[in-house]
């Protein structure tokens, strides 16, 4: 059985459960689900709530840029690069509303590297976010 190395990325938001940011097995790097929470504040970019907890502002584009930033942080803290990504699974809480916006922004980030991709519509995520990515990278060395 191949050994694996747990990786906790100091530049990414803390996991919301008992799991590492990533695990490396041989030259494969498996990232846990990565969302858009800000690593410093733990807040969700573009999300504002009223004192009663209801959403008052929502910015999906800000969440997309933030989730890509967080994926990049986990990759770099793991010794990998953006270009090493080979598979991306995207979870969207509102496929109809957000897919086209996500696709447009995704194309900006992946014009040079085009990993395999699956996009799945789901009902909810564990925190008040609208997007989460699950990624696999191939790391040299």
N, C-alpha and C. Protein backbone atom coordinates (compact mmCIF):
# COMPACT_ATOMS: atom_id res chain seq x y z
N UNK A 1 0.84 -1.19 0.00
CA UNK A 1 0.00 0.00 0.00
C UNK A 1 0.88 1.23 0.00
N UNK A 2 0.55 2.19 -0.83
CA UNK A 2 1.33 3.43 -0.91
C UNK A 2 1.07 4.29 0.32
N UNK A 3 2.12 4.92 0.80
CA UNK A 3 1.95 5.81 1.94
C UNK A 3 1.43 7.16 1.45
N UNK A 4 0.77 7.85 2.35
CA UNK A 4 0.26 9.16 1.98
C UNK A 4 0.68 10.19 3.02
N UNK A 5 0.78 11.42 2.56
CA UNK A 5 1.20 12.52 3.42
C UNK A 5 0.04 13.49 3.56
N UNK A 6 -0.35 13.78 4.79
CA UNK A 6 -1.39 14.78 5.04
C UNK A 6 -0.78 16.17 4.94
N UNK A 7 -1.52 17.08 4.31
CA UNK A 7 -1.03 18.44 4.14
C UNK A 7 -2.07 19.41 4.67
N UNK A 8 -1.64 20.27 5.58
CA UNK A 8 -2.49 21.36 6.06
C UNK A 8 -1.85 22.66 5.58
N UNK A 9 -2.61 23.43 4.84
CA UNK A 9 -2.11 24.63 4.18
C UNK A 9 -2.35 25.86 5.05
N UNK A 10 -1.29 26.49 5.56
CA UNK A 10 -1.48 27.66 6.42
C UNK A 10 -2.09 28.87 5.71
N UNK A 11 -2.02 28.90 4.37
CA UNK A 11 -2.54 30.05 3.63
C UNK A 11 -3.95 29.86 3.11
N UNK A 12 -4.60 28.78 3.52
CA UNK A 12 -5.97 28.50 3.09
C UNK A 12 -6.89 28.54 4.31
N UNK A 13 -8.21 28.70 4.09
CA UNK A 13 -9.13 28.70 5.23
C UNK A 13 -9.08 27.35 5.96
N UNK A 14 -9.28 27.39 7.25
CA UNK A 14 -9.27 26.15 8.05
C UNK A 14 -10.41 25.24 7.59
N UNK A 15 -10.17 23.93 7.55
CA UNK A 15 -11.25 23.00 7.22
C UNK A 15 -12.37 23.10 8.26
N UNK A 16 -13.60 22.79 7.83
CA UNK A 16 -14.73 22.87 8.74
C UNK A 16 -14.99 21.54 9.44
N UNK A 17 -14.08 20.60 9.28
CA UNK A 17 -14.20 19.29 9.92
C UNK A 17 -12.83 18.69 10.13
N UNK A 18 -12.79 17.44 10.53
CA UNK A 18 -11.54 16.75 10.80
C UNK A 18 -11.01 16.12 9.51
N UNK A 19 -10.34 16.92 8.71
CA UNK A 19 -9.72 16.45 7.47
C UNK A 19 -8.62 17.42 7.08
N UNK A 20 -7.62 16.93 6.35
CA UNK A 20 -6.55 17.82 5.90
C UNK A 20 -6.98 18.58 4.64
N UNK A 21 -6.24 19.61 4.31
CA UNK A 21 -6.50 20.32 3.06
C UNK A 21 -6.22 19.42 1.86
N UNK A 22 -5.21 18.56 2.00
CA UNK A 22 -4.84 17.69 0.88
C UNK A 22 -4.10 16.47 1.41
N UNK A 23 -4.01 15.46 0.54
CA UNK A 23 -3.18 14.28 0.80
C UNK A 23 -2.41 13.98 -0.46
N UNK A 24 -1.14 13.69 -0.27
CA UNK A 24 -0.30 13.32 -1.40
C UNK A 24 -0.01 11.83 -1.32
N UNK A 25 -0.26 11.14 -2.43
CA UNK A 25 0.04 9.72 -2.57
C UNK A 25 0.87 9.58 -3.83
N UNK A 26 2.15 9.25 -3.67
CA UNK A 26 3.03 9.21 -4.84
C UNK A 26 3.10 10.60 -5.45
N UNK A 27 2.82 10.67 -6.75
CA UNK A 27 2.84 11.99 -7.39
C UNK A 27 1.44 12.57 -7.57
N UNK A 28 0.45 11.97 -6.92
CA UNK A 28 -0.91 12.50 -6.98
C UNK A 28 -1.22 13.31 -5.73
N UNK A 29 -1.85 14.44 -5.92
CA UNK A 29 -2.26 15.31 -4.83
C UNK A 29 -3.78 15.44 -4.88
N UNK A 30 -4.45 15.00 -3.81
CA UNK A 30 -5.91 15.05 -3.72
C UNK A 30 -6.29 16.17 -2.76
N UNK A 31 -7.00 17.17 -3.24
CA UNK A 31 -7.45 18.27 -2.39
C UNK A 31 -8.82 17.94 -1.82
N UNK A 32 -9.01 18.24 -0.54
CA UNK A 32 -10.34 18.15 0.04
C UNK A 32 -11.19 19.26 -0.58
N UNK A 33 -12.48 19.24 -0.33
CA UNK A 33 -13.34 20.29 -0.86
C UNK A 33 -12.86 21.66 -0.38
N UNK A 34 -12.68 22.57 -1.33
CA UNK A 34 -12.17 23.91 -1.03
C UNK A 34 -13.27 24.92 -1.39
N UNK A 35 -13.61 25.76 -0.43
CA UNK A 35 -14.62 26.79 -0.65
C UNK A 35 -14.00 28.17 -0.71
N UNK A 36 -14.84 29.21 -0.75
CA UNK A 36 -14.34 30.58 -0.93
C UNK A 36 -14.10 31.35 0.36
N UNK A 37 -14.20 30.72 1.54
CA UNK A 37 -14.03 31.49 2.77
C UNK A 37 -12.65 32.16 2.81
N UNK A 38 -12.60 33.35 3.36
CA UNK A 38 -11.36 34.12 3.48
C UNK A 38 -10.49 33.49 4.58
N UNK A 39 -9.23 33.18 4.30
CA UNK A 39 -8.37 32.54 5.30
C UNK A 39 -8.14 33.39 6.56
N UNK A 40 -8.15 34.72 6.43
CA UNK A 40 -7.89 35.58 7.59
C UNK A 40 -9.14 35.82 8.44
N UNK A 41 -10.28 36.07 7.78
CA UNK A 41 -11.48 36.47 8.51
C UNK A 41 -12.49 35.33 8.69
N UNK A 42 -12.35 34.28 7.89
CA UNK A 42 -13.29 33.15 7.85
C UNK A 42 -14.64 33.58 7.26
N UNK A 43 -14.72 34.80 6.76
CA UNK A 43 -15.95 35.28 6.13
C UNK A 43 -16.04 34.83 4.69
N UNK A 44 -17.24 34.92 4.12
CA UNK A 44 -17.47 34.57 2.73
C UNK A 44 -17.45 35.86 1.91
N UNK A 45 -16.53 36.00 0.96
CA UNK A 45 -16.47 37.22 0.16
C UNK A 45 -17.81 37.52 -0.53
N UNK A 46 -18.23 38.78 -0.44
CA UNK A 46 -19.45 39.21 -1.11
C UNK A 46 -20.74 38.79 -0.42
N UNK A 47 -20.63 38.20 0.78
CA UNK A 47 -21.83 37.76 1.50
C UNK A 47 -22.00 38.63 2.73
N UNK A 48 -23.15 39.29 2.82
CA UNK A 48 -23.46 40.11 3.98
C UNK A 48 -24.79 39.63 4.55
N UNK A 49 -24.91 39.73 5.88
CA UNK A 49 -26.14 39.30 6.55
C UNK A 49 -26.68 40.43 7.41
N UNK A 50 -27.97 40.41 7.59
CA UNK A 50 -28.62 41.35 8.51
C UNK A 50 -28.35 40.88 9.93
N UNK A 51 -28.63 41.72 10.94
CA UNK A 51 -28.45 41.29 12.33
C UNK A 51 -29.23 40.01 12.67
N UNK A 52 -30.33 39.76 11.97
CA UNK A 52 -31.11 38.55 12.23
C UNK A 52 -30.57 37.32 11.51
N UNK A 53 -29.54 37.51 10.67
CA UNK A 53 -28.92 36.38 9.98
C UNK A 53 -29.35 36.16 8.55
N UNK A 54 -30.29 36.96 8.05
CA UNK A 54 -30.71 36.83 6.66
C UNK A 54 -29.68 37.45 5.72
N UNK A 55 -29.58 36.89 4.51
CA UNK A 55 -28.65 37.43 3.52
C UNK A 55 -29.14 38.79 3.04
N UNK A 56 -28.26 39.79 3.01
CA UNK A 56 -28.62 41.10 2.48
C UNK A 56 -27.85 41.40 1.20
N UNK A 57 -26.71 40.73 1.00
CA UNK A 57 -25.92 40.92 -0.22
C UNK A 57 -25.24 39.61 -0.56
N UNK A 58 -25.11 39.35 -1.86
CA UNK A 58 -24.53 38.09 -2.33
C UNK A 58 -23.76 38.39 -3.60
N UNK A 59 -22.51 37.95 -3.68
CA UNK A 59 -21.70 38.19 -4.86
C UNK A 59 -21.04 36.88 -5.27
N UNK A 60 -21.66 36.18 -6.21
CA UNK A 60 -21.14 34.89 -6.64
C UNK A 60 -19.77 35.04 -7.31
N UNK A 61 -19.58 36.08 -8.11
CA UNK A 61 -18.28 36.27 -8.77
C UNK A 61 -17.16 36.38 -7.75
N UNK A 62 -17.39 37.10 -6.65
CA UNK A 62 -16.37 37.21 -5.61
C UNK A 62 -16.06 35.84 -5.01
N UNK A 63 -17.08 35.00 -4.86
CA UNK A 63 -16.85 33.66 -4.34
C UNK A 63 -16.03 32.81 -5.31
N UNK A 64 -16.29 32.93 -6.59
CA UNK A 64 -15.52 32.16 -7.58
C UNK A 64 -14.05 32.55 -7.54
N UNK A 65 -13.76 33.85 -7.58
CA UNK A 65 -12.36 34.29 -7.52
C UNK A 65 -11.70 33.83 -6.23
N UNK A 66 -12.43 33.87 -5.13
CA UNK A 66 -11.88 33.47 -3.84
C UNK A 66 -11.61 31.97 -3.77
N UNK A 67 -12.50 31.16 -4.33
CA UNK A 67 -12.29 29.71 -4.29
C UNK A 67 -11.05 29.35 -5.12
N UNK A 68 -10.84 30.03 -6.24
CA UNK A 68 -9.64 29.76 -7.04
C UNK A 68 -8.39 30.19 -6.28
N UNK A 69 -8.47 31.30 -5.58
CA UNK A 69 -7.33 31.75 -4.76
C UNK A 69 -7.01 30.72 -3.67
N UNK A 70 -8.05 30.16 -3.05
CA UNK A 70 -7.84 29.17 -2.00
C UNK A 70 -7.28 27.86 -2.55
N UNK A 71 -7.75 27.44 -3.72
CA UNK A 71 -7.19 26.24 -4.35
C UNK A 71 -5.71 26.46 -4.65
N UNK A 72 -5.39 27.62 -5.19
CA UNK A 72 -3.98 27.94 -5.49
C UNK A 72 -3.13 27.90 -4.22
N UNK A 73 -3.67 28.41 -3.10
CA UNK A 73 -2.92 28.41 -1.84
C UNK A 73 -2.64 26.99 -1.37
N UNK A 74 -3.64 26.10 -1.46
CA UNK A 74 -3.42 24.71 -1.05
C UNK A 74 -2.40 24.05 -1.97
N UNK A 75 -2.52 24.28 -3.27
CA UNK A 75 -1.56 23.71 -4.21
C UNK A 75 -0.14 24.15 -3.86
N UNK A 76 0.05 25.46 -3.69
CA UNK A 76 1.40 25.99 -3.44
C UNK A 76 1.94 25.51 -2.09
N UNK A 77 1.08 25.46 -1.07
CA UNK A 77 1.53 24.96 0.23
C UNK A 77 1.84 23.47 0.17
N UNK A 78 1.38 22.79 -0.87
CA UNK A 78 1.62 21.36 -1.05
C UNK A 78 2.78 21.08 -2.01
N UNK A 79 3.42 22.14 -2.52
CA UNK A 79 4.51 21.97 -3.46
C UNK A 79 4.06 21.77 -4.90
N UNK A 80 2.82 22.16 -5.20
CA UNK A 80 2.28 22.01 -6.55
C UNK A 80 2.00 23.38 -7.15
N UNK A 81 1.62 23.37 -8.41
CA UNK A 81 1.31 24.60 -9.13
C UNK A 81 -0.09 24.48 -9.74
N UNK A 82 -0.65 25.60 -10.08
CA UNK A 82 -1.96 25.67 -10.75
C UNK A 82 -1.96 24.78 -11.99
N UNK A 83 -0.86 24.79 -12.70
CA UNK A 83 -0.75 24.03 -13.96
C UNK A 83 -0.73 22.53 -13.72
N UNK A 84 -0.54 22.08 -12.48
CA UNK A 84 -0.51 20.66 -12.16
C UNK A 84 -1.90 20.05 -12.01
N UNK A 85 -2.95 20.88 -11.98
CA UNK A 85 -4.31 20.36 -11.84
C UNK A 85 -4.68 19.50 -13.05
N UNK A 86 -5.25 18.33 -12.78
CA UNK A 86 -5.68 17.44 -13.87
C UNK A 86 -7.17 17.13 -13.81
N UNK A 87 -7.80 17.38 -12.66
CA UNK A 87 -9.22 17.09 -12.53
C UNK A 87 -9.85 18.05 -11.52
N UNK A 88 -10.98 18.64 -11.90
CA UNK A 88 -11.69 19.59 -11.03
C UNK A 88 -13.17 19.19 -11.01
N UNK A 89 -13.69 18.98 -9.81
CA UNK A 89 -15.12 18.77 -9.65
C UNK A 89 -15.68 20.02 -8.98
N UNK A 90 -16.71 20.58 -9.58
CA UNK A 90 -17.31 21.83 -9.13
C UNK A 90 -18.68 21.53 -8.55
N UNK A 91 -18.94 22.05 -7.35
CA UNK A 91 -20.25 21.91 -6.71
C UNK A 91 -20.88 23.29 -6.63
N UNK A 92 -22.04 23.46 -7.26
CA UNK A 92 -22.77 24.73 -7.26
C UNK A 92 -24.12 24.53 -6.58
N UNK A 93 -24.47 25.45 -5.68
CA UNK A 93 -25.75 25.34 -4.99
C UNK A 93 -26.91 25.86 -5.84
N UNK A 94 -26.63 26.60 -6.89
CA UNK A 94 -27.69 27.07 -7.79
C UNK A 94 -27.16 27.03 -9.22
N UNK A 95 -27.26 25.86 -9.83
CA UNK A 95 -26.73 25.64 -11.18
C UNK A 95 -27.33 26.61 -12.18
N UNK A 96 -28.63 26.79 -12.14
CA UNK A 96 -29.30 27.64 -13.13
C UNK A 96 -28.82 29.09 -13.03
N UNK A 97 -28.71 29.61 -11.83
CA UNK A 97 -28.31 31.00 -11.64
C UNK A 97 -26.81 31.20 -11.92
N UNK A 98 -25.95 30.25 -11.48
CA UNK A 98 -24.51 30.52 -11.40
C UNK A 98 -23.64 29.85 -12.45
N UNK A 99 -24.14 28.86 -13.20
CA UNK A 99 -23.28 28.12 -14.11
C UNK A 99 -22.60 28.99 -15.15
N UNK A 100 -23.34 29.88 -15.80
CA UNK A 100 -22.75 30.68 -16.87
C UNK A 100 -21.69 31.65 -16.32
N UNK A 101 -21.95 32.21 -15.17
CA UNK A 101 -20.96 33.10 -14.54
C UNK A 101 -19.71 32.30 -14.18
N UNK A 102 -19.91 31.13 -13.58
CA UNK A 102 -18.76 30.30 -13.23
C UNK A 102 -17.96 29.92 -14.48
N UNK A 103 -18.65 29.49 -15.52
CA UNK A 103 -17.97 29.07 -16.75
C UNK A 103 -17.13 30.19 -17.34
N UNK A 104 -17.66 31.41 -17.32
CA UNK A 104 -16.92 32.57 -17.85
C UNK A 104 -15.65 32.82 -17.05
N UNK A 105 -15.75 32.82 -15.72
CA UNK A 105 -14.58 33.08 -14.88
C UNK A 105 -13.60 31.91 -14.95
N UNK A 106 -14.12 30.70 -14.98
CA UNK A 106 -13.28 29.50 -15.10
C UNK A 106 -12.39 29.60 -16.35
N UNK A 107 -12.97 30.05 -17.45
CA UNK A 107 -12.21 30.16 -18.70
C UNK A 107 -11.03 31.13 -18.57
N UNK A 108 -11.17 32.16 -17.74
CA UNK A 108 -10.06 33.09 -17.52
C UNK A 108 -8.91 32.40 -16.79
N UNK A 109 -9.21 31.56 -15.82
CA UNK A 109 -8.20 30.92 -14.99
C UNK A 109 -7.57 29.70 -15.66
N UNK A 110 -8.30 29.06 -16.57
CA UNK A 110 -7.84 27.80 -17.13
C UNK A 110 -7.60 27.86 -18.64
N UNK A 111 -7.30 29.05 -19.17
CA UNK A 111 -7.10 29.13 -20.62
C UNK A 111 -5.85 28.38 -21.06
N UNK A 112 -4.83 28.27 -20.20
CA UNK A 112 -3.60 27.58 -20.56
C UNK A 112 -3.59 26.12 -20.11
N UNK A 113 -4.14 25.85 -18.95
CA UNK A 113 -4.23 24.48 -18.43
C UNK A 113 -5.69 24.11 -18.44
N UNK A 114 -6.03 23.00 -19.07
CA UNK A 114 -7.43 22.59 -19.14
C UNK A 114 -7.59 21.20 -18.53
N UNK A 115 -7.78 21.15 -17.20
CA UNK A 115 -8.00 19.85 -16.57
C UNK A 115 -9.39 19.30 -16.91
N UNK A 116 -9.58 18.02 -16.66
CA UNK A 116 -10.94 17.46 -16.78
C UNK A 116 -11.81 18.18 -15.77
N UNK A 117 -13.11 18.27 -16.07
CA UNK A 117 -14.00 18.98 -15.16
C UNK A 117 -15.38 18.36 -15.14
N UNK A 118 -15.96 18.30 -13.96
CA UNK A 118 -17.34 17.88 -13.76
C UNK A 118 -18.00 18.96 -12.92
N UNK A 119 -19.19 19.39 -13.31
CA UNK A 119 -19.94 20.39 -12.55
C UNK A 119 -21.25 19.76 -12.07
N UNK A 120 -21.48 19.85 -10.77
CA UNK A 120 -22.62 19.21 -10.15
C UNK A 120 -23.46 20.25 -9.42
N UNK A 121 -24.77 20.21 -9.61
CA UNK A 121 -25.68 21.05 -8.85
C UNK A 121 -26.10 20.33 -7.60
N UNK A 122 -26.00 21.00 -6.45
CA UNK A 122 -26.35 20.39 -5.16
C UNK A 122 -27.27 21.33 -4.39
N UNK A 123 -27.91 20.82 -3.35
CA UNK A 123 -28.85 21.63 -2.57
C UNK A 123 -28.17 22.60 -1.62
N UNK A 124 -27.09 22.17 -0.98
CA UNK A 124 -26.43 23.06 -0.02
C UNK A 124 -25.01 22.56 0.25
N UNK A 125 -24.25 23.42 0.91
CA UNK A 125 -22.90 23.11 1.37
C UNK A 125 -22.87 23.36 2.87
N UNK A 126 -21.83 22.86 3.58
CA UNK A 126 -21.84 22.94 5.04
C UNK A 126 -21.77 24.34 5.63
N UNK A 127 -21.33 25.31 4.87
CA UNK A 127 -21.28 26.70 5.32
C UNK A 127 -22.04 27.53 4.29
N UNK A 128 -22.34 28.80 4.56
CA UNK A 128 -23.16 29.60 3.62
C UNK A 128 -22.38 30.05 2.38
N UNK A 129 -21.96 29.06 1.59
CA UNK A 129 -21.22 29.33 0.35
C UNK A 129 -22.02 28.76 -0.81
N UNK A 130 -21.72 29.25 -2.02
CA UNK A 130 -22.45 28.82 -3.20
C UNK A 130 -21.61 27.92 -4.11
N UNK A 131 -20.33 27.72 -3.76
CA UNK A 131 -19.43 26.96 -4.62
C UNK A 131 -18.38 26.26 -3.78
N UNK A 132 -18.00 25.06 -4.24
CA UNK A 132 -16.88 24.34 -3.63
C UNK A 132 -16.22 23.55 -4.76
N UNK A 133 -14.89 23.42 -4.68
CA UNK A 133 -14.14 22.64 -5.67
C UNK A 133 -13.45 21.47 -5.02
N UNK A 134 -13.40 20.35 -5.72
CA UNK A 134 -12.65 19.16 -5.33
C UNK A 134 -11.67 18.92 -6.46
N UNK A 135 -10.37 18.91 -6.16
CA UNK A 135 -9.35 18.88 -7.21
C UNK A 135 -8.33 17.76 -7.03
N UNK A 136 -7.75 17.35 -8.15
CA UNK A 136 -6.64 16.40 -8.17
C UNK A 136 -5.55 17.01 -9.03
N UNK A 137 -4.31 16.90 -8.54
CA UNK A 137 -3.17 17.40 -9.30
C UNK A 137 -2.11 16.31 -9.39
N UNK A 138 -1.28 16.39 -10.42
CA UNK A 138 -0.13 15.52 -10.56
C UNK A 138 1.10 16.38 -10.30
N UNK A 139 1.88 15.95 -9.30
CA UNK A 139 3.01 16.75 -8.85
C UNK A 139 4.30 16.03 -9.24
N UNK A 140 5.22 16.77 -9.81
CA UNK A 140 6.52 16.16 -10.14
C UNK A 140 7.44 16.26 -8.93
N UNK A 141 8.38 15.34 -8.87
CA UNK A 141 9.38 15.37 -7.81
C UNK A 141 8.98 14.76 -6.58
